[in-house]
C-alpha atoms as a PDB file:
ATOM      1  CA  MET A   1      31.558 -13.891  18.431  1.00  0.00           C
ATOM      2  CA  ASP A   2      32.106 -13.316  14.721  1.00  0.00           C
ATOM      3  CA  GLY A   3      32.472 -17.087  14.463  1.00  0.00           C
ATOM      4  CA  GLN A   4      28.870 -17.343  15.626  1.00  0.00           C
ATOM      5  CA  LEU A   5      27.779 -14.945  12.893  1.00  0.00           C
ATOM      6  CA  GLN A   6      29.649 -16.953  10.286  1.00  0.00           C
ATOM      7  CA  GLY A   7      27.994 -20.097  11.614  1.00  0.00           C
ATOM      8  CA  LEU A   8      24.592 -18.412  11.213  1.00  0.00           C
ATOM      9  CA  ILE A   9      25.412 -17.367   7.650  1.00  0.00           C
ATOM     10  CA  ASP A  10      26.535 -20.907   6.809  1.00  0.00           C
ATOM     11  CA  ALA A  11      23.441 -22.494   8.383  1.00  0.00           C
ATOM     12  CA  VAL A  12      21.033 -20.126   6.622  1.00  0.00           C
ATOM     13  CA  ASP A  13      22.836 -20.608   3.319  1.00  0.00           C
ATOM     14  CA  LEU A  14      22.476 -24.386   3.607  1.00  0.00           C
ATOM     15  CA  ALA A  15      18.830 -24.275   4.735  1.00  0.00           C
ATOM     16  CA  ARG A  16      16.389 -25.556   2.148  1.00  0.00           C
ATOM     17  CA  ASP A  17      13.070 -24.481   3.659  1.00  0.00           C
ATOM     18  CA  GLU A  18      11.533 -21.914   5.984  1.00  0.00           C
ATOM     19  CA  ARG A  19      11.593 -24.263   8.978  1.00  0.00           C
ATOM     20  CA  SER A  20      15.326 -24.876   8.604  1.00  0.00           C
ATOM     21  CA  ILE A  21      15.984 -21.132   8.422  1.00  0.00           C
ATOM     22  CA  ARG A  22      13.907 -20.526  11.553  1.00  0.00           C
ATOM     23  CA  ASN A  23      15.769 -23.300  13.375  1.00  0.00           C
ATOM     24  CA  ALA A  24      19.110 -21.770  12.403  1.00  0.00           C
ATOM     25  CA  ILE A  25      18.062 -18.364  13.731  1.00  0.00           C
ATOM     26  CA  LYS A  26      16.710 -19.877  16.937  1.00  0.00           C
ATOM     27  CA  LYS A  27      19.927 -21.817  17.530  1.00  0.00           C
ATOM     28  CA  PHE A  28      21.939 -18.644  16.979  1.00  0.00           C
ATOM     29  CA  ALA A  29      19.744 -16.669  19.391  1.00  0.00           C
ATOM     30  CA  VAL A  30      20.116 -19.257  22.147  1.00  0.00           C
ATOM     31  CA  SER A  31      23.880 -19.602  21.625  1.00  0.00           C
ATOM     32  CA  SER A  32      24.121 -15.796  21.919  1.00  0.00           C
ATOM     33  CA  ALA A  33      22.333 -15.898  25.306  1.00  0.00           C
ATOM     34  CA  PHE A  34      18.990 -14.555  24.073  1.00  0.00           C
ATOM     35  CA  ASP A  35      15.545 -16.076  24.586  1.00  0.00           C
ATOM     36  CA  ARG A  36      13.676 -15.267  21.378  1.00  0.00           C
ATOM     37  CA  TYR A  37      14.087 -13.803  17.918  1.00  0.00           C
ATOM     38  CA  ALA A  38      12.041 -11.782  15.461  1.00  0.00           C
ATOM     39  CA  TYR A  39      12.702 -11.026  11.798  1.00  0.00           C
ATOM     40  CA  ILE A  40      10.566  -8.204  10.424  1.00  0.00           C
ATOM     41  CA  HIS A  41      10.352  -6.552   7.023  1.00  0.00           C
ATOM     42  CA  VAL A  42       8.420  -3.340   7.383  1.00  0.00           C
ATOM     43  CA  HIS A  43       7.103  -0.473   5.296  1.00  0.00           C
ATOM     44  CA  GLY A  44       4.786   1.933   7.101  1.00  0.00           C
ATOM     45  CA  ASP A  45       2.278  -0.112   9.066  1.00  0.00           C
ATOM     46  CA  ASP A  46       2.592  -3.080   6.702  1.00  0.00           C
ATOM     47  CA  ALA A  47       5.005  -5.806   7.747  1.00  0.00           C
ATOM     48  CA  VAL A  48       5.806  -9.473   7.507  1.00  0.00           C
ATOM     49  CA  VAL A  49       7.215 -11.229  10.561  1.00  0.00           C
ATOM     50  CA  PHE A  50       8.916 -14.544  11.209  1.00  0.00           C
ATOM     51  CA  SER A  51       9.377 -15.028  14.923  1.00  0.00           C
ATOM     52  CA  ASP A  52       9.149 -17.345  17.899  1.00  0.00           C
ATOM     53  CA  TYR A  53       7.487 -14.633  19.985  1.00  0.00           C
ATOM     54  CA  PRO A  54       4.269 -15.819  21.699  1.00  0.00           C
ATOM     55  CA  ALA A  55       1.417 -15.995  19.194  1.00  0.00           C
ATOM     56  CA  GLU A  56      -0.807 -13.922  21.493  1.00  0.00           C
ATOM     57  CA  TRP A  57       1.748 -11.099  21.505  1.00  0.00           C
ATOM     58  CA  LEU A  58       2.118 -11.165  17.717  1.00  0.00           C
ATOM     59  CA  SER A  59      -1.661 -11.007  17.287  1.00  0.00           C
ATOM     60  CA  LEU A  60      -1.855  -8.074  19.683  1.00  0.00           C
ATOM     61  CA  TYR A  61       1.093  -6.366  17.983  1.00  0.00           C
ATOM     62  CA  PHE A  62      -0.581  -6.368  14.582  1.00  0.00           C
ATOM     63  CA  ALA A  63      -4.099  -5.733  15.845  1.00  0.00           C
ATOM     64  CA  LYS A  64      -2.875  -2.499  17.451  1.00  0.00           C
ATOM     65  CA  HIS A  65      -0.628  -1.550  14.509  1.00  0.00           C
ATOM     66  CA  TYR A  66       2.387  -1.364  16.789  1.00  0.00           C
ATOM     67  CA  THR A  67       4.802  -1.267  13.837  1.00  0.00           C
ATOM     68  CA  THR A  68       4.098   2.470  13.631  1.00  0.00           C
ATOM     69  CA  ILE A  69       5.078   3.237  17.251  1.00  0.00           C
ATOM     70  CA  ASP A  70       7.389   0.380  18.232  1.00  0.00           C
ATOM     71  CA  PRO A  71      10.535   2.256  19.405  1.00  0.00           C
ATOM     72  CA  VAL A  72      12.738  -0.630  18.258  1.00  0.00           C
ATOM     73  CA  VAL A  73      11.365  -0.388  14.714  1.00  0.00           C
ATOM     74  CA  THR A  74      11.468   3.413  14.586  1.00  0.00           C
ATOM     75  CA  THR A  75      15.038   3.493  15.932  1.00  0.00           C
ATOM     76  CA  ALA A  76      16.123   0.872  13.400  1.00  0.00           C
ATOM     77  CA  LYS A  77      14.622   2.842  10.511  1.00  0.00           C
ATOM     78  CA  ARG A  78      16.172   6.086  11.734  1.00  0.00           C
ATOM     79  CA  THR A  79      19.704   4.924  12.551  1.00  0.00           C
ATOM     80  CA  MET A  80      20.297   1.911  10.285  1.00  0.00           C
ATOM     81  CA  ARG A  81      22.858   0.503  12.720  1.00  0.00           C
ATOM     82  CA  MET A  82      23.064  -2.305  15.290  1.00  0.00           C
ATOM     83  CA  PHE A  83      21.832  -1.234  18.731  1.00  0.00           C
ATOM     84  CA  ALA A  84      20.702  -2.518  22.120  1.00  0.00           C
ATOM     85  CA  TRP A  85      17.398  -1.501  23.689  1.00  0.00           C
ATOM     86  CA  SER A  86      15.521  -1.986  26.940  1.00  0.00           C
ATOM     87  CA  ALA A  87      12.017  -1.406  28.233  1.00  0.00           C
ATOM     88  CA  GLU A  88      13.631  -0.277  31.497  1.00  0.00           C
ATOM     89  CA  GLU A  89      15.413   2.797  30.118  1.00  0.00           C
ATOM     90  CA  ARG A  90      14.904   5.957  32.162  1.00  0.00           C
ATOM     91  CA  GLU A  91      14.137   7.984  29.065  1.00  0.00           C
ATOM     92  CA  LEU A  92      10.972   5.955  28.612  1.00  0.00           C
ATOM     93  CA  ARG A  93       9.452   7.679  31.601  1.00  0.00           C
ATOM     94  CA  ARG A  94       9.049  10.734  29.378  1.00  0.00           C
ATOM     95  CA  SER A  95       7.564   8.703  26.533  1.00  0.00           C
ATOM     96  CA  SER A  96       3.986   8.866  25.335  1.00  0.00           C
ATOM     97  CA  ARG A  97       1.287   6.799  26.985  1.00  0.00           C
ATOM     98  CA  ASP A  98       1.067   4.579  23.895  1.00  0.00           C
ATOM     99  CA  ILE A  99       4.769   3.685  24.025  1.00  0.00           C
ATOM    100  CA  LYS A 100       4.614   3.035  27.763  1.00  0.00           C
ATOM    101  CA  GLN A 101       1.653   0.718  27.174  1.00  0.00           C
ATOM    102  CA  PHE A 102       3.516  -0.985  24.323  1.00  0.00           C
ATOM    103  CA  TYR A 103       6.508  -1.798  26.503  1.00  0.00           C
ATOM    104  CA  SER A 104       4.315  -2.838  29.405  1.00  0.00           C
ATOM    105  CA  GLU A 105       2.521  -5.356  27.206  1.00  0.00           C
ATOM    106  CA  ALA A 106       5.796  -6.595  25.697  1.00  0.00           C
ATOM    107  CA  ILE A 107       7.206  -7.205  29.186  1.00  0.00           C
ATOM    108  CA  ASP A 108       4.134  -9.273  30.017  1.00  0.00           C
ATOM    109  CA  PHE A 109       5.245 -11.652  27.269  1.00  0.00           C
ATOM    110  CA  GLY A 110       8.869 -11.807  28.400  1.00  0.00           C
ATOM    111  CA  ILE A 111      10.202  -9.271  25.904  1.00  0.00           C
ATOM    112  CA  ARG A 112      12.110  -6.781  28.046  1.00  0.00           C
ATOM    113  CA  SER A 113      15.367  -6.017  26.217  1.00  0.00           C
ATOM    114  CA  GLY A 114      17.314  -7.010  23.148  1.00  0.00           C
ATOM    115  CA  VAL A 115      19.664  -6.268  20.277  1.00  0.00           C
ATOM    116  CA  SER A 116      18.492  -5.333  16.780  1.00  0.00           C
ATOM    117  CA  VAL A 117      20.269  -5.204  13.425  1.00  0.00           C
ATOM    118  CA  PRO A 118      18.578  -3.332  10.529  1.00  0.00           C
ATOM    119  CA  ILE A 119      19.305  -3.026   6.825  1.00  0.00           C
ATOM    120  CA  ARG A 120      17.634  -0.992   4.082  1.00  0.00           C
ATOM    121  CA  THR A 121      15.891  -2.968   1.368  1.00  0.00           C
ATOM    122  CA  SER A 122      14.106  -1.966  -1.822  1.00  0.00           C
ATOM    123  CA  TYR A 123      11.387   0.657  -2.164  1.00  0.00           C
ATOM    124  CA  GLY A 124      12.207   2.362   1.130  1.00  0.00           C
ATOM    125  CA  ARG A 125      11.565  -0.728   3.249  1.00  0.00           C
ATOM    126  CA  THR A 126      13.522  -1.912   6.272  1.00  0.00           C
ATOM    127  CA  ALA A 127      14.446  -5.453   7.253  1.00  0.00           C
ATOM    128  CA  MET A 128      15.645  -6.172  10.768  1.00  0.00           C
ATOM    129  CA  ILE A 129      16.462  -9.034  13.074  1.00  0.00           C
ATOM    130  CA  THR A 130      15.925  -8.722  16.825  1.00  0.00           C
ATOM    131  CA  LEU A 131      17.227 -11.034  19.518  1.00  0.00           C
ATOM    132  CA  ALA A 132      15.146 -10.513  22.658  1.00  0.00           C
ATOM    133  CA  SER A 133      15.619 -11.283  26.335  1.00  0.00           C
ATOM    134  CA  ASP A 134      13.679 -11.156  29.583  1.00  0.00           C
ATOM    135  CA  ARG A 135      16.675  -9.500  31.288  1.00  0.00           C
ATOM    136  CA  GLN A 136      16.374  -5.858  32.277  1.00  0.00           C
ATOM    137  CA  ARG A 137      19.266  -4.817  30.050  1.00  0.00           C
ATOM    138  CA  VAL A 138      21.634  -6.326  27.507  1.00  0.00           C
ATOM    139  CA  GLU A 139      24.789  -5.047  25.854  1.00  0.00           C
ATOM    140  CA  VAL A 140      25.527  -4.957  22.140  1.00  0.00           C
ATOM    141  CA  PRO A 141      27.541  -8.123  21.435  1.00  0.00           C
ATOM    142  CA  PRO A 142      31.094  -7.641  20.093  1.00  0.00           C
ATOM    143  CA  TRP A 143      29.992  -8.498  16.561  1.00  0.00           C
ATOM    144  CA  ASP A 144      31.439  -6.961  13.437  1.00  0.00           C
ATOM    145  CA  PRO A 145      28.583  -4.640  12.304  1.00  0.00           C
ATOM    146  CA  MET A 146      29.231  -5.421   8.646  1.00  0.00           C
ATOM    147  CA  GLN A 147      29.102  -9.166   9.228  1.00  0.00           C
ATOM    148  CA  ALA A 148      25.951  -8.775  11.308  1.00  0.00           C
ATOM    149  CA  ALA A 149      24.345  -6.879   8.415  1.00  0.00           C
ATOM    150  CA  LEU A 150      25.543  -9.580   6.008  1.00  0.00           C
ATOM    151  CA  ALA A 151      23.955 -12.273   8.172  1.00  0.00           C
ATOM    152  CA  LEU A 152      20.672 -10.358   8.138  1.00  0.00           C
ATOM    153  CA  ALA A 153      20.886  -9.994   4.367  1.00  0.00           C
ATOM    154  CA  TYR A 154      21.247 -13.781   4.066  1.00  0.00           C
ATOM    155  CA  ILE A 155      18.238 -14.281   6.330  1.00  0.00           C
ATOM    156  CA  HIS A 156      16.213 -11.711   4.402  1.00  0.00           C
ATOM    157  CA  VAL A 157      16.871 -13.241   0.994  1.00  0.00           C
ATOM    158  CA  ARG A 158      16.516 -16.865   2.119  1.00  0.00           C
ATOM    159  CA  LEU A 159      13.240 -16.254   3.969  1.00  0.00           C
ATOM    160  CA  SER A 160      11.862 -14.322   1.002  1.00  0.00           C
ATOM    161  CA  LEU A 161      12.687 -17.168  -1.369  1.00  0.00           C
ATOM    162  CA  ALA A 162      11.532 -19.921   0.986  1.00  0.00           C
ATOM    163  CA  SER A 163       8.201 -18.286   1.788  1.00  0.00           C
ATOM    164  CA  GLY A 164       7.496 -17.152  -1.764  1.00  0.00           C
ATOM    165  CA  SER A 165       7.237 -13.663  -3.172  1.00  0.00           C
ATOM    166  CA  SER A 166       4.234 -11.437  -2.460  1.00  0.00           C
ATOM    167  CA  PHE A 167       4.667  -9.839  -5.894  1.00  0.00           C
ATOM    168  CA  LYS A 168       3.040 -12.356  -8.223  1.00  0.00           C
ATOM    169  CA  THR A 169       2.129 -12.000 -11.855  1.00  0.00           C
ATOM    170  CA  GLY A 170       0.894 -15.506 -12.630  1.00  0.00           C
ATOM    171  CA  ASN A 171       1.382 -16.279 -16.324  1.00  0.00           C
ATOM    172  CA  VAL A 172       1.582 -12.622 -17.286  1.00  0.00           C
ATOM    173  CA  THR A 173       4.844 -11.388 -18.787  1.00  0.00           C
ATOM    174  CA  LEU A 174       6.069  -7.936 -17.790  1.00  0.00           C
ATOM    175  CA  SER A 175       9.043  -5.898 -18.839  1.00  0.00           C
ATOM    176  CA  THR A 176      11.484  -4.977 -16.072  1.00  0.00           C
ATOM    177  CA  GLN A 177      10.183  -1.402 -16.230  1.00  0.00           C
ATOM    178  CA  GLU A 178       6.566  -2.541 -15.894  1.00  0.00           C
ATOM    179  CA  ALA A 179       7.329  -4.828 -12.959  1.00  0.00           C
ATOM    180  CA  THR A 180       9.249  -2.057 -11.204  1.00  0.00           C
ATOM    181  CA  SER A 181       6.497   0.480 -11.908  1.00  0.00           C
ATOM    182  CA  LEU A 182       3.802  -1.816 -10.543  1.00  0.00           C
ATOM    183  CA  SER A 183       5.772  -2.436  -7.383  1.00  0.00           C
ATOM    184  CA  TRP A 184       6.232   1.296  -6.791  1.00  0.00           C
ATOM    185  CA  SER A 185       2.541   1.862  -7.517  1.00  0.00           C
ATOM    186  CA  SER A 186       1.543  -0.785  -4.977  1.00  0.00           C
ATOM    187  CA  HIS A 187       3.502   1.277  -2.430  1.00  0.00           C
ATOM    188  CA  GLY A 188       1.398   4.356  -3.168  1.00  0.00           C
ATOM    189  CA  LYS A 189       3.609   6.223  -5.634  1.00  0.00           C
ATOM    190  CA  SER A 190       1.847   8.298  -8.290  1.00  0.00           C
ATOM    191  CA  MET A 191       2.560   7.866 -11.995  1.00  0.00           C
ATOM    192  CA  ASN A 192       4.439  11.186 -12.083  1.00  0.00           C
ATOM    193  CA  VAL A 193       6.666  10.161  -9.179  1.00  0.00           C
ATOM    194  CA  ILE A 194       7.320   6.751 -10.742  1.00  0.00           C
ATOM    195  CA  ALA A 195       8.250   8.432 -14.002  1.00  0.00           C
ATOM    196  CA  ASP A 196      10.786  10.598 -12.169  1.00  0.00           C
ATOM    197  CA  LEU A 197      12.216   7.566 -10.350  1.00  0.00           C
ATOM    198  CA  LEU A 198      12.632   5.661 -13.609  1.00  0.00           C
ATOM    199  CA  GLY A 199      13.810   8.646 -15.617  1.00  0.00           C
ATOM    200  CA  GLN A 200      10.863   8.417 -17.986  1.00  0.00           C
ATOM    201  CA  ALA A 201       8.683  11.076 -19.520  1.00  0.00           C
ATOM    202  CA  THR A 202       5.325  11.333 -17.758  1.00  0.00           C
ATOM    203  CA  ASN A 203       3.517  10.620 -21.020  1.00  0.00           C
ATOM    204  CA  GLY A 204       5.553   7.466 -21.672  1.00  0.00           C
ATOM    205  CA  PRO A 205       4.155   3.917 -21.464  1.00  0.00           C
ATOM    206  CA  ILE A 206       5.221   3.276 -17.870  1.00  0.00           C
ATOM    207  CA  LEU A 207       2.155   1.147 -17.232  1.00  0.00           C
ATOM    208  CA  SER A 208      -0.568  -0.006 -19.529  1.00  0.00           C
ATOM    209  CA  GLY A 209      -3.943   1.524 -18.703  1.00  0.00           C
ATOM    210  CA  GLN A 210      -5.468  -1.721 -17.495  1.00  0.00           C
ATOM    211  CA  CYS A 211      -2.481  -2.476 -15.241  1.00  0.00           C
ATOM    212  CA  ALA A 212      -2.659   0.978 -13.689  1.00  0.00           C
ATOM    213  CA  ARG A 213      -6.388   0.658 -13.023  1.00  0.00           C
ATOM    214  CA  GLN A 214      -6.004  -2.782 -11.472  1.00  0.00           C
ATOM    215  CA  THR A 215      -3.075  -1.605  -9.353  1.00  0.00           C
ATOM    216  CA  ARG A 216      -5.174   1.210  -7.908  1.00  0.00           C
ATOM    217  CA  ARG A 217      -7.969  -1.231  -7.090  1.00  0.00           C
ATOM    218  CA  GLN A 218      -5.475  -3.494  -5.322  1.00  0.00           C
ATOM    219  CA  GLN A 219      -4.502  -0.718  -2.909  1.00  0.00           C
ATOM    220  CA  SER A 220      -7.628  -0.945  -0.760  1.00  0.00           C
ATOM    221  CA  PRO A 221      -7.130  -1.441   3.014  1.00  0.00           C
ATOM    222  CA  ALA A 222      -8.529  -4.955   2.658  1.00  0.00           C
ATOM    223  CA  SER A 223      -5.594  -6.010   0.475  1.00  0.00           C
ATOM    224  CA  ARG A 224      -2.576  -4.767   2.398  1.00  0.00           C
ATOM    225  CA  PRO A 225       0.455  -6.700   1.176  1.00  0.00           C
ATOM    226  CA  TYR A 226       2.021  -7.728   4.470  1.00  0.00           C
ATOM    227  CA  ARG A 227       0.449  -8.962   7.631  1.00  0.00           C
ATOM    228  CA  HIS A 228       2.232 -11.399   9.983  1.00  0.00           C
ATOM    229  CA  GLY A 229       3.820 -13.647   7.389  1.00  0.00           C
ATOM    230  CA  GLU A 230       0.853 -13.488   5.046  1.00  0.00           C
ATOM    231  CA  LYS A 231       1.535 -13.378   1.313  1.00  0.00           C
ATOM    232  CA  VAL A 232      -0.980 -11.791  -1.079  1.00  0.00           C
ATOM    233  CA  ASP A 233      -1.138 -10.941  -4.772  1.00  0.00           C
ATOM    234  CA  LEU A 234      -0.376  -7.268  -5.345  1.00  0.00           C
ATOM    235  CA  VAL A 235      -1.326  -7.044  -9.006  1.00  0.00           C
ATOM    236  CA  HIS A 236      -2.643  -9.073 -11.915  1.00  0.00           C
ATOM    237  CA  CYS A 237      -2.530  -7.320 -15.292  1.00  0.00           C
ATOM    238  CA  ASP A 238      -4.243  -8.595 -18.408  1.00  0.00           C
ATOM    239  CA  THR A 239      -3.429  -5.769 -20.840  1.00  0.00           C
ATOM    240  CA  LEU A 240       0.201  -5.084 -21.714  1.00  0.00           C
ATOM    241  CA  PRO A 241       1.916  -3.035 -24.441  1.00  0.00           C
ATOM    242  CA  ASP A 242       1.800  -4.745 -27.811  1.00  0.00           C
ATOM    243  CA  ASP A 243       5.484  -4.169 -28.588  1.00  0.00           C
ATOM    244  CA  PRO A 244       7.217  -7.575 -28.085  1.00  0.00           C
ATOM    245  CA  ALA A 245      10.497  -5.752 -27.465  1.00  0.00           C
ATOM    246  CA  LEU A 246       9.080  -4.392 -24.223  1.00  0.00           C
ATOM    247  CA  ARG A 247       8.153  -7.835 -22.905  1.00  0.00           C
ATOM    248  CA  SER A 248      10.192 -10.121 -20.687  1.00  0.00           C
ATOM    249  CA  THR A 249       9.350 -12.741 -18.139  1.00  0.00           C
ATOM    250  CA  ALA A 250       8.934 -11.166 -14.710  1.00  0.00           C
ATOM    251  CA  THR A 251      10.692 -13.216 -12.082  1.00  0.00           C
ATOM    252  CA  PRO A 252       9.642 -12.468  -8.488  1.00  0.00           C
ATOM    253  CA  GLY A 253      12.633 -11.115  -6.612  1.00  0.00           C
ATOM    254  CA  PRO A 254      13.500 -11.548  -2.959  1.00  0.00           C
ATOM    255  CA  GLU A 255      11.986  -8.196  -2.050  1.00  0.00           C
ATOM    256  CA  SER A 256       8.542  -9.427  -1.004  1.00  0.00           C
ATOM    257  CA  LEU A 257       8.518  -9.120   2.683  1.00  0.00           C
ATOM    258  CA  PRO A 258      12.060  -1.904   6.090  1.00  0.00           C
END
């Protein structure tokens, strides 16, 4: 089974576009006796998804903000380990009405059980890959957990690069500290908290005034950064510190999409 994981890593590493990566994941899912797959990168109720789940189910999933109650997502974020799950578990009988409805709707689309592998990414986010089945129950495959996490890391980075980063600065140059500060700010962190995270004094030039103001404006509900594979601009700053020593070209990293 670890040979299958290595084959997935090799295929994703060789893939040159998003379609090739999706095909590699689909081939791996089928060869592992699963029906469908879903990659999700989630933070709160914001998420980006690459999946072959039915489009109607994905639309329903995001319309109802199911990322906040999906037991598969919440378990992944809590445990950070590979696990199997099923909509037929007895414990679900004691679940809330919302979770029971969630599983009932998932079953209607042929998503009844599966195996999920999560990893922690930057800024408190979680990336995970799920292989789903219409069977009542599945067992955790005899995969090496570390290699499974490595395969997910390859998928995460390659999909991020292939689909483009959601953190865009256009022709603006930012120092590493500024780019990091803006990313934390777009995730709702206050200037004082960001200063603590970066080990800076609260009165230091963490962000230029104009950047901070524009970042706050970008945090309206209408401009949420992730929604079903959608990529949006988080920030555009026109005013930066005048000290050339603080400037460097900001290169979007793979952390765009747990």
